[in-house]
């Protein structure tokens, strides 16, 4: 979600909840997002965009968050986002 999308009250609530969860895990929301993407079976590739070495270093710290993403934490993220894709059966 970029800042333009976060003007929606529902998205603002999601951002607050995700920020709270990131704080609880001792990481930034960026690190939480990257870690969640890396752990997700639905994601095939994660591309990082860093403007500086410090940004890249911060983003790579997400690797240390992955072990903290237990099933309960992952389920909590899914509940907050409420946008998990569903696979529809093939129609004949």
PDB file of N, CA and C in Angstrom:
ATOM      1  N   UNK A   1       0.841  -1.179   0.000  1.00  0.00           N
ATOM      2  CA  UNK A   1       0.000   0.000   0.000  1.00  0.00           C
ATOM      3  C   UNK A   1       0.881   1.234   0.000  1.00  0.00           C
ATOM      4  N   UNK A   2       0.694   2.086  -0.957  1.00  0.00           N
ATOM      5  CA  UNK A   2       1.447   3.332  -0.930  1.00  0.00           C
ATOM      6  C   UNK A   2       0.651   4.384  -0.172  1.00  0.00           C
ATOM      7  N   UNK A   3       1.231   5.543  -0.003  1.00  0.00           N
ATOM      8  CA  UNK A   3       0.565   6.569   0.805  1.00  0.00           C
ATOM      9  C   UNK A   3      -0.732   7.048   0.186  1.00  0.00           C
ATOM     10  N   UNK A   4      -0.841   7.010  -1.152  1.00  0.00           N
ATOM     11  CA  UNK A   4      -2.093   7.414  -1.787  1.00  0.00           C
ATOM     12  C   UNK A   4      -3.219   6.454  -1.425  1.00  0.00           C
ATOM     13  N   UNK A   5      -2.910   5.147  -1.384  1.00  0.00           N
ATOM     14  CA  UNK A   5      -3.925   4.152  -1.056  1.00  0.00           C
ATOM     15  C   UNK A   5      -4.346   4.239   0.408  1.00  0.00           C
ATOM     16  N   UNK A   6      -3.442   4.709   1.269  1.00  0.00           N
ATOM     17  CA  UNK A   6      -3.725   4.689   2.700  1.00  0.00           C
ATOM     18  C   UNK A   6      -4.686   5.789   3.137  1.00  0.00           C
ATOM     19  N   UNK A   7      -5.196   6.566   2.206  1.00  0.00           N
ATOM     20  CA  UNK A   7      -6.195   7.577   2.573  1.00  0.00           C
ATOM     21  C   UNK A   7      -7.534   6.933   2.899  1.00  0.00           C
ATOM     22  N   UNK A   8      -7.755   5.748   2.404  1.00  0.00           N
ATOM     23  CA  UNK A   8      -8.965   4.998   2.684  1.00  0.00           C
ATOM     24  C   UNK A   8      -8.929   4.581   4.162  1.00  0.00           C
ATOM     25  N   UNK A   9      -9.983   4.876   4.943  1.00  0.00           N
ATOM     26  CA  UNK A   9      -9.980   4.528   6.368  1.00  0.00           C
ATOM     27  C   UNK A   9      -9.731   3.039   6.629  1.00  0.00           C
ATOM     28  N   UNK A  10     -10.256   2.179   5.779  1.00  0.00           N
ATOM     29  CA  UNK A  10     -10.043   0.738   5.961  1.00  0.00           C
ATOM     30  C   UNK A  10      -8.561   0.394   5.790  1.00  0.00           C
ATOM     31  N   UNK A  11      -7.911   1.015   4.801  1.00  0.00           N
ATOM     32  CA  UNK A  11      -6.485   0.782   4.584  1.00  0.00           C
ATOM     33  C   UNK A  11      -5.645   1.382   5.707  1.00  0.00           C
ATOM     34  N   UNK A  12      -6.071   2.526   6.236  1.00  0.00           N
ATOM     35  CA  UNK A  12      -5.363   3.136   7.361  1.00  0.00           C
ATOM     36  C   UNK A  12      -5.391   2.208   8.570  1.00  0.00           C
ATOM     37  N   UNK A  13      -6.539   1.564   8.797  1.00  0.00           N
ATOM     38  CA  UNK A  13      -6.661   0.622   9.911  1.00  0.00           C
ATOM     39  C   UNK A  13      -5.725  -0.571   9.701  1.00  0.00           C
ATOM     40  N   UNK A  14      -5.672  -1.076   8.479  1.00  0.00           N
ATOM     41  CA  UNK A  14      -4.769  -2.196   8.178  1.00  0.00           C
ATOM     42  C   UNK A  14      -3.320  -1.800   8.441  1.00  0.00           C
ATOM     43  N   UNK A  15      -2.941  -0.598   8.017  1.00  0.00           N
ATOM     44  CA  UNK A  15      -1.570  -0.127   8.223  1.00  0.00           C
ATOM     45  C   UNK A  15      -1.253  -0.009   9.713  1.00  0.00           C
ATOM     46  N   UNK A  16      -2.192   0.502  10.495  1.00  0.00           N
ATOM     47  CA  UNK A  16      -1.978   0.604  11.944  1.00  0.00           C
ATOM     48  C   UNK A  16      -1.781  -0.782  12.552  1.00  0.00           C
ATOM     49  N   UNK A  17      -2.619  -1.729  12.152  1.00  0.00           N
ATOM     50  CA  UNK A  17      -2.517  -3.081  12.698  1.00  0.00           C
ATOM     51  C   UNK A  17      -1.208  -3.749  12.282  1.00  0.00           C
ATOM     52  N   UNK A  18      -0.796  -3.561  11.028  1.00  0.00           N
ATOM     53  CA  UNK A  18       0.468  -4.138  10.568  1.00  0.00           C
ATOM     54  C   UNK A  18       1.658  -3.472  11.257  1.00  0.00           C
ATOM     55  N   UNK A  19       1.593  -2.162  11.462  1.00  0.00           N
ATOM     56  CA  UNK A  19       2.657  -1.465  12.198  1.00  0.00           C
ATOM     57  C   UNK A  19       2.759  -1.976  13.625  1.00  0.00           C
ATOM     58  N   UNK A  20       1.611  -2.206  14.254  1.00  0.00           N
ATOM     59  CA  UNK A  20       1.592  -2.744  15.616  1.00  0.00           C
ATOM     60  C   UNK A  20       2.230  -4.133  15.645  1.00  0.00           C
ATOM     61  N   UNK A  21       1.891  -4.957  14.673  1.00  0.00           N
ATOM     62  CA  UNK A  21       2.458  -6.302  14.599  1.00  0.00           C
ATOM     63  C   UNK A  21       3.973  -6.234  14.364  1.00  0.00           C
ATOM     64  N   UNK A  22       4.408  -5.342  13.481  1.00  0.00           N
ATOM     65  CA  UNK A  22       5.846  -5.173  13.228  1.00  0.00           C
ATOM     66  C   UNK A  22       6.561  -4.744  14.513  1.00  0.00           C
ATOM     67  N   UNK A  23       5.971  -3.813  15.243  1.00  0.00           N
ATOM     68  CA  UNK A  23       6.558  -3.379  16.520  1.00  0.00           C
ATOM     69  C   UNK A  23       6.683  -4.554  17.477  1.00  0.00           C
ATOM     70  N   UNK A  24       5.640  -5.378  17.528  1.00  0.00           N
ATOM     71  CA  UNK A  24       5.633  -6.544  18.405  1.00  0.00           C
ATOM     72  C   UNK A  24       6.760  -7.519  18.034  1.00  0.00           C
ATOM     73  N   UNK A  25       7.063  -7.611  16.739  1.00  0.00           N
ATOM     74  CA  UNK A  25       8.121  -8.513  16.270  1.00  0.00           C
ATOM     75  C   UNK A  25       9.501  -7.858  16.294  1.00  0.00           C
ATOM     76  N   UNK A  26       9.544  -6.563  16.620  1.00  0.00           N
ATOM     77  CA  UNK A  26      10.822  -5.860  16.687  1.00  0.00           C
ATOM     78  C   UNK A  26      11.418  -5.539  15.329  1.00  0.00           C
ATOM     79  N   UNK A  27      10.551  -5.197  14.377  1.00  0.00           N
ATOM     80  CA  UNK A  27      11.037  -4.881  13.032  1.00  0.00           C
ATOM     81  C   UNK A  27      10.227  -3.733  12.447  1.00  0.00           C
ATOM     82  N   UNK A  28      10.665  -3.280  11.282  1.00  0.00           N
ATOM     83  CA  UNK A  28       9.914  -2.237  10.577  1.00  0.00           C
ATOM     84  C   UNK A  28       8.824  -2.895   9.737  1.00  0.00           C
ATOM     85  N   UNK A  29       7.862  -2.105   9.310  1.00  0.00           N
ATOM     86  CA  UNK A  29       6.811  -2.654   8.451  1.00  0.00           C
ATOM     87  C   UNK A  29       7.399  -3.101   7.111  1.00  0.00           C
ATOM     88  N   UNK A  30       8.446  -2.423   6.653  1.00  0.00           N
ATOM     89  CA  UNK A  30       9.120  -2.838   5.420  1.00  0.00           C
ATOM     90  C   UNK A  30       9.721  -4.226   5.592  1.00  0.00           C
ATOM     91  N   UNK A  31      10.401  -4.446   6.698  1.00  0.00           N
ATOM     92  CA  UNK A  31      11.001  -5.753   6.962  1.00  0.00           C
ATOM     93  C   UNK A  31       9.929  -6.829   7.101  1.00  0.00           C
ATOM     94  N   UNK A  32       8.838  -6.506   7.780  1.00  0.00           N
ATOM     95  CA  UNK A  32       7.743  -7.458   7.927  1.00  0.00           C
ATOM     96  C   UNK A  32       7.171  -7.827   6.566  1.00  0.00           C
ATOM     97  N   UNK A  33       6.972  -6.837   5.724  1.00  0.00           N
ATOM     98  CA  UNK A  33       6.407  -7.071   4.397  1.00  0.00           C
ATOM     99  C   UNK A  33       7.310  -7.962   3.559  1.00  0.00           C
ATOM    100  N   UNK A  34       8.592  -7.666   3.554  1.00  0.00           N
ATOM    101  CA  UNK A  34       9.535  -8.468   2.767  1.00  0.00           C
ATOM    102  C   UNK A  34       9.599  -9.890   3.309  1.00  0.00           C
ATOM    103  N   UNK A  35       9.673 -10.036   4.625  1.00  0.00           N
ATOM    104  CA  UNK A  35       9.723 -11.370   5.229  1.00  0.00           C
ATOM    105  C   UNK A  35       8.471 -12.173   4.891  1.00  0.00           C
ATOM    106  N   UNK A  36       7.312 -11.522   4.970  1.00  0.00           N
ATOM    107  CA  UNK A  36       6.052 -12.202   4.655  1.00  0.00           C
ATOM    108  C   UNK A  36       6.048 -12.662   3.201  1.00  0.00           C
ATOM    109  N   UNK A  37       6.515 -11.808   2.306  1.00  0.00           N
ATOM    110  CA  UNK A  37       6.578 -12.171   0.883  1.00  0.00           C
ATOM    111  C   UNK A  37       7.530 -13.339   0.658  1.00  0.00           C
ATOM    112  N   UNK A  38       8.692 -13.307   1.311  1.00  0.00           N
ATOM    113  CA  UNK A  38       9.667 -14.382   1.136  1.00  0.00           C
ATOM    114  C   UNK A  38       9.143 -15.714   1.659  1.00  0.00           C
ATOM    115  N   UNK A  39       8.342 -15.665   2.696  1.00  0.00           N
ATOM    116  CA  UNK A  39       7.817 -16.898   3.288  1.00  0.00           C
ATOM    117  C   UNK A  39       6.566 -17.407   2.574  1.00  0.00           C
ATOM    118  N   UNK A  40       5.875 -16.552   1.888  1.00  0.00           N
ATOM    119  CA  UNK A  40       4.607 -16.910   1.254  1.00  0.00           C
ATOM    120  C   UNK A  40       4.808 -17.865   0.083  1.00  0.00           C
ATOM    121  N   UNK A  41       4.035 -18.930   0.070  1.00  0.00           N
ATOM    122  CA  UNK A  41       4.067 -19.874  -1.050  1.00  0.00           C
ATOM    123  C   UNK A  41       3.442 -19.272  -2.301  1.00  0.00           C
ATOM    124  N   UNK A  42       2.649 -18.235  -2.141  1.00  0.00           N
ATOM    125  CA  UNK A  42       1.974 -17.591  -3.264  1.00  0.00           C
ATOM    126  C   UNK A  42       2.910 -16.664  -4.041  1.00  0.00           C
ATOM    127  N   UNK A  43       4.021 -16.271  -3.416  1.00  0.00           N
ATOM    128  CA  UNK A  43       4.943 -15.312  -4.032  1.00  0.00           C
ATOM    129  C   UNK A  43       6.104 -16.068  -4.667  1.00  0.00           C
ATOM    130  N   UNK A  44       6.356 -15.800  -5.928  1.00  0.00           N
ATOM    131  CA  UNK A  44       7.419 -16.479  -6.658  1.00  0.00           C
ATOM    132  C   UNK A  44       8.737 -15.710  -6.636  1.00  0.00           C
ATOM    133  N   UNK A  45       8.671 -14.397  -6.505  1.00  0.00           N
ATOM    134  CA  UNK A  45       9.872 -13.567  -6.607  1.00  0.00           C
ATOM    135  C   UNK A  45       9.668 -12.286  -5.801  1.00  0.00           C
ATOM    136  N   UNK A  46      10.698 -11.874  -5.098  1.00  0.00           N
ATOM    137  CA  UNK A  46      10.652 -10.622  -4.345  1.00  0.00           C
ATOM    138  C   UNK A  46      11.755  -9.716  -4.888  1.00  0.00           C
ATOM    139  N   UNK A  47      11.367  -8.566  -5.388  1.00  0.00           N
ATOM    140  CA  UNK A  47      12.322  -7.587  -5.903  1.00  0.00           C
ATOM    141  C   UNK A  47      12.449  -6.447  -4.903  1.00  0.00           C
ATOM    142  N   UNK A  48      13.667  -6.131  -4.540  1.00  0.00           N
ATOM    143  CA  UNK A  48      13.915  -5.037  -3.611  1.00  0.00           C
ATOM    144  C   UNK A  48      14.336  -3.802  -4.387  1.00  0.00           C
ATOM    145  N   UNK A  49      13.932  -2.668  -3.889  1.00  0.00           N
ATOM    146  CA  UNK A  49      14.353  -1.403  -4.483  1.00  0.00           C
ATOM    147  C   UNK A  49      14.933  -0.528  -3.393  1.00  0.00           C
ATOM    148  N   UNK A  50      16.215  -0.283  -3.459  1.00  0.00           N
ATOM    149  CA  UNK A  50      16.880   0.505  -2.429  1.00  0.00           C
ATOM    150  C   UNK A  50      17.542   1.717  -3.058  1.00  0.00           C
ATOM    151  N   UNK A  51      17.385   2.848  -2.408  1.00  0.00           N
ATOM    152  CA  UNK A  51      18.003   4.083  -2.888  1.00  0.00           C
ATOM    153  C   UNK A  51      19.410   4.276  -2.341  1.00  0.00           C
ATOM    154  N   UNK A  52      19.745   3.496  -1.313  1.00  0.00           N
ATOM    155  CA  UNK A  52      21.075   3.621  -0.713  1.00  0.00           C
ATOM    156  C   UNK A  52      21.473   2.274  -0.116  1.00  0.00           C
ATOM    157  N   UNK A  53      22.731   2.169   0.257  1.00  0.00           N
ATOM    158  CA  UNK A  53      23.225   0.955   0.909  1.00  0.00           C
ATOM    159  C   UNK A  53      22.491   0.750   2.232  1.00  0.00           C
ATOM    160  N   UNK A  54      22.215   1.836   2.943  1.00  0.00           N
ATOM    161  CA  UNK A  54      21.480   1.734   4.211  1.00  0.00           C
ATOM    162  C   UNK A  54      20.085   1.159   3.998  1.00  0.00           C
ATOM    163  N   UNK A  55      19.404   1.586   2.935  1.00  0.00           N
ATOM    164  CA  UNK A  55      18.076   1.037   2.630  1.00  0.00           C
ATOM    165  C   UNK A  55      18.180  -0.453   2.335  1.00  0.00           C
ATOM    166  N   UNK A  56      19.170  -0.842   1.541  1.00  0.00           N
ATOM    167  CA  UNK A  56      19.353  -2.251   1.207  1.00  0.00           C
ATOM    168  C   UNK A  56      19.639  -3.065   2.463  1.00  0.00           C
ATOM    169  N   UNK A  57      20.511  -2.566   3.321  1.00  0.00           N
ATOM    170  CA  UNK A  57      20.822  -3.251   4.568  1.00  0.00           C
ATOM    171  C   UNK A  57      19.561  -3.432   5.410  1.00  0.00           C
ATOM    172  N   UNK A  58      18.763  -2.380   5.521  1.00  0.00           N
ATOM    173  CA  UNK A  58      17.511  -2.446   6.278  1.00  0.00           C
ATOM    174  C   UNK A  58      16.579  -3.502   5.693  1.00  0.00           C
ATOM    175  N   UNK A  59      16.476  -3.529   4.376  1.00  0.00           N
ATOM    176  CA  UNK A  59      15.597  -4.496   3.722  1.00  0.00           C
ATOM    177  C   UNK A  59      16.094  -5.927   3.918  1.00  0.00           C
ATOM    178  N   UNK A  60      17.410  -6.125   3.867  1.00  0.00           N
ATOM    179  CA  UNK A  60      17.962  -7.467   4.043  1.00  0.00           C
ATOM    180  C   UNK A  60      17.781  -7.995   5.464  1.00  0.00           C
ATOM    181  N   UNK A  61      17.552  -7.096   6.415  1.00  0.00           N
ATOM    182  CA  UNK A  61      17.280  -7.524   7.789  1.00  0.00           C
ATOM    183  C   UNK A  61      15.984  -8.332   7.874  1.00  0.00           C
ATOM    184  N   UNK A  62      15.164  -8.262   6.839  1.00  0.00           N
ATOM    185  CA  UNK A  62      13.925  -9.053   6.786  1.00  0.00           C
ATOM    186  C   UNK A  62      14.225 -10.538   6.875  1.00  0.00           C
ATOM    187  N   UNK A  63      15.408 -10.947   6.431  1.00  0.00           N
ATOM    188  CA  UNK A  63      15.778 -12.365   6.502  1.00  0.00           C
ATOM    189  C   UNK A  63      15.781 -12.861   7.946  1.00  0.00           C
ATOM    190  N   UNK A  64      16.054 -11.971   8.886  1.00  0.00           N
ATOM    191  CA  UNK A  64      16.067 -12.359  10.296  1.00  0.00           C
ATOM    192  C   UNK A  64      14.663 -12.410  10.890  1.00  0.00           C
ATOM    193  N   UNK A  65      13.699 -11.872  10.191  1.00  0.00           N
ATOM    194  CA  UNK A  65      12.313 -11.857  10.677  1.00  0.00           C
ATOM    195  C   UNK A  65      11.581 -13.136  10.272  1.00  0.00           C
ATOM    196  N   UNK A  66      12.007 -13.758   9.193  1.00  0.00           N
ATOM    197  CA  UNK A  66      11.301 -14.938   8.672  1.00  0.00           C
ATOM    198  C   UNK A  66      11.054 -15.996   9.749  1.00  0.00           C
ATOM    199  N   UNK A  67      12.048 -16.357  10.583  1.00  0.00           N
ATOM    200  CA  UNK A  67      11.774 -17.373  11.616  1.00  0.00           C
ATOM    201  C   UNK A  67      10.706 -16.953  12.629  1.00  0.00           C
ATOM    202  N   UNK A  68      10.482 -15.656  12.766  1.00  0.00           N
ATOM    203  CA  UNK A  68       9.467 -15.164  13.705  1.00  0.00           C
ATOM    204  C   UNK A  68       8.055 -15.259  13.130  1.00  0.00           C
ATOM    205  N   UNK A  69       7.954 -15.520  11.833  1.00  0.00           N
ATOM    206  CA  UNK A  69       6.635 -15.591  11.194  1.00  0.00           C
ATOM    207  C   UNK A  69       6.054 -16.996  11.376  1.00  0.00           C
ATOM    208  N   UNK A  70       5.565 -17.224  12.571  1.00  0.00           N
ATOM    209  CA  UNK A  70       4.934 -18.500  12.888  1.00  0.00           C
ATOM    210  C   UNK A  70       3.605 -18.606  12.144  1.00  0.00           C
ATOM    211  N   UNK A  71       3.003 -19.756  12.225  1.00  0.00           N
ATOM    212  CA  UNK A  71       1.689 -19.940  11.612  1.00  0.00           C
ATOM    213  C   UNK A  71       0.696 -18.938  12.183  1.00  0.00           C
ATOM    214  N   UNK A  72       0.744 -18.720  13.491  1.00  0.00           N
ATOM    215  CA  UNK A  72      -0.178 -17.762  14.120  1.00  0.00           C
ATOM    216  C   UNK A  72       0.046 -16.342  13.606  1.00  0.00           C
ATOM    217  N   UNK A  73       1.299 -15.931  13.483  1.00  0.00           N
ATOM    218  CA  UNK A  73       1.602 -14.584  12.984  1.00  0.00           C
ATOM    219  C   UNK A  73       1.169 -14.463  11.528  1.00  0.00           C
ATOM    220  N   UNK A  74       1.467 -15.479  10.727  1.00  0.00           N
ATOM    221  CA  UNK A  74       1.060 -15.454   9.313  1.00  0.00           C
ATOM    222  C   UNK A  74      -0.454 -15.377   9.186  1.00  0.00           C
ATOM    223  N   UNK A  75      -1.159 -16.130  10.018  1.00  0.00           N
ATOM    224  CA  UNK A  75      -2.627 -16.073  10.001  1.00  0.00           C
ATOM    225  C   UNK A  75      -3.131 -14.696  10.421  1.00  0.00           C
ATOM    226  N   UNK A  76      -2.441 -14.080  11.377  1.00  0.00           N
ATOM    227  CA  UNK A  76      -2.830 -12.735  11.816  1.00  0.00           C
ATOM    228  C   UNK A  76      -2.647 -11.725  10.672  1.00  0.00           C
ATOM    229  N   UNK A  77      -1.547 -11.851   9.933  1.00  0.00           N
ATOM    230  CA  UNK A  77      -1.315 -10.968   8.783  1.00  0.00           C
ATOM    231  C   UNK A  77      -2.404 -11.179   7.739  1.00  0.00           C
ATOM    232  N   UNK A  78      -2.719 -12.436   7.444  1.00  0.00           N
ATOM    233  CA  UNK A  78      -3.767 -12.738   6.462  1.00  0.00           C
ATOM    234  C   UNK A  78      -5.107 -12.149   6.903  1.00  0.00           C
ATOM    235  N   UNK A  79      -5.383 -12.242   8.203  1.00  0.00           N
ATOM    236  CA  UNK A  79      -6.642 -11.698   8.728  1.00  0.00           C
ATOM    237  C   UNK A  79      -6.678 -10.176   8.577  1.00  0.00           C
ATOM    238  N   UNK A  80      -5.558  -9.522   8.870  1.00  0.00           N
ATOM    239  CA  UNK A  80      -5.494  -8.061   8.732  1.00  0.00           C
ATOM    240  C   UNK A  80      -5.686  -7.660   7.278  1.00  0.00           C
ATOM    241  N   UNK A  81      -4.953  -8.306   6.382  1.00  0.00           N
ATOM    242  CA  UNK A  81      -5.012  -7.934   4.967  1.00  0.00           C
ATOM    243  C   UNK A  81      -6.360  -8.270   4.340  1.00  0.00           C
ATOM    244  N   UNK A  82      -6.898  -9.416   4.711  1.00  0.00           N
ATOM    245  CA  UNK A  82      -8.198  -9.862   4.194  1.00  0.00           C
ATOM    246  C   UNK A  82      -8.265  -9.776   2.665  1.00  0.00           C
ATOM    247  N   UNK A  83      -7.204 -10.273   2.012  1.00  0.00           N
ATOM    248  CA  UNK A  83      -7.186 -10.234   0.547  1.00  0.00           C
ATOM    249  C   UNK A  83      -6.521 -11.465  -0.072  1.00  0.00           C
ATOM    250  N   UNK A  84      -6.516 -12.560   0.672  1.00  0.00           N
ATOM    251  CA  UNK A  84      -5.856 -13.765   0.180  1.00  0.00           C
ATOM    252  C   UNK A  84      -6.560 -14.249  -1.087  1.00  0.00           C
ATOM    253  N   UNK A  85      -5.787 -14.480  -2.143  1.00  0.00           N
ATOM    254  CA  UNK A  85      -6.413 -14.946  -3.385  1.00  0.00           C
ATOM    255  C   UNK A  85      -6.990 -16.346  -3.219  1.00  0.00           C
ATOM    256  N   UNK A  86      -8.070 -16.583  -3.896  1.00  0.00           N
ATOM    257  CA  UNK A  86      -8.662 -17.917  -3.884  1.00  0.00           C
ATOM    258  C   UNK A  86      -8.561 -18.501  -5.280  1.00  0.00           C
ATOM    259  N   UNK A  87      -8.292 -19.765  -5.320  1.00  0.00           N
ATOM    260  CA  UNK A  87      -8.181 -20.447  -6.602  1.00  0.00           C
ATOM    261  C   UNK A  87      -9.542 -21.046  -6.934  1.00  0.00           C
ATOM    262  N   UNK A  88     -10.084 -20.617  -8.040  1.00  0.00           N
ATOM    263  CA  UNK A  88     -11.374 -21.126  -8.478  1.00  0.00           C
ATOM    264  C   UNK A  88     -11.169 -22.406  -9.279  1.00  0.00           C
ATOM    265  N   UNK A  89     -12.069 -23.370  -9.106  1.00  0.00           N
ATOM    266  CA  UNK A  89     -11.935 -24.608  -9.882  1.00  0.00           C
ATOM    267  C   UNK A  89     -12.097 -24.315 -11.374  1.00  0.00           C
ATOM    268  N   UNK A  90     -11.416 -25.095 -12.157  1.00  0.00           N
ATOM    269  CA  UNK A  90     -11.537 -24.932 -13.606  1.00  0.00           C
ATOM    270  C   UNK A  90     -12.952 -25.271 -14.043  1.00  0.00           C
ATOM    271  N   UNK A  91     -13.477 -24.450 -14.905  1.00  0.00           N
ATOM    272  CA  UNK A  91     -14.824 -24.702 -15.419  1.00  0.00           C
ATOM    273  C   UNK A  91     -14.706 -25.458 -16.730  1.00  0.00           C
ATOM    274  N   UNK A  92     -15.603 -26.378 -16.954  1.00  0.00           N
ATOM    275  CA  UNK A  92     -15.599 -27.148 -18.207  1.00  0.00           C
ATOM    276  C   UNK A  92     -16.649 -26.631 -19.132  1.00  0.00           C
TER     277      UNK A  92
END
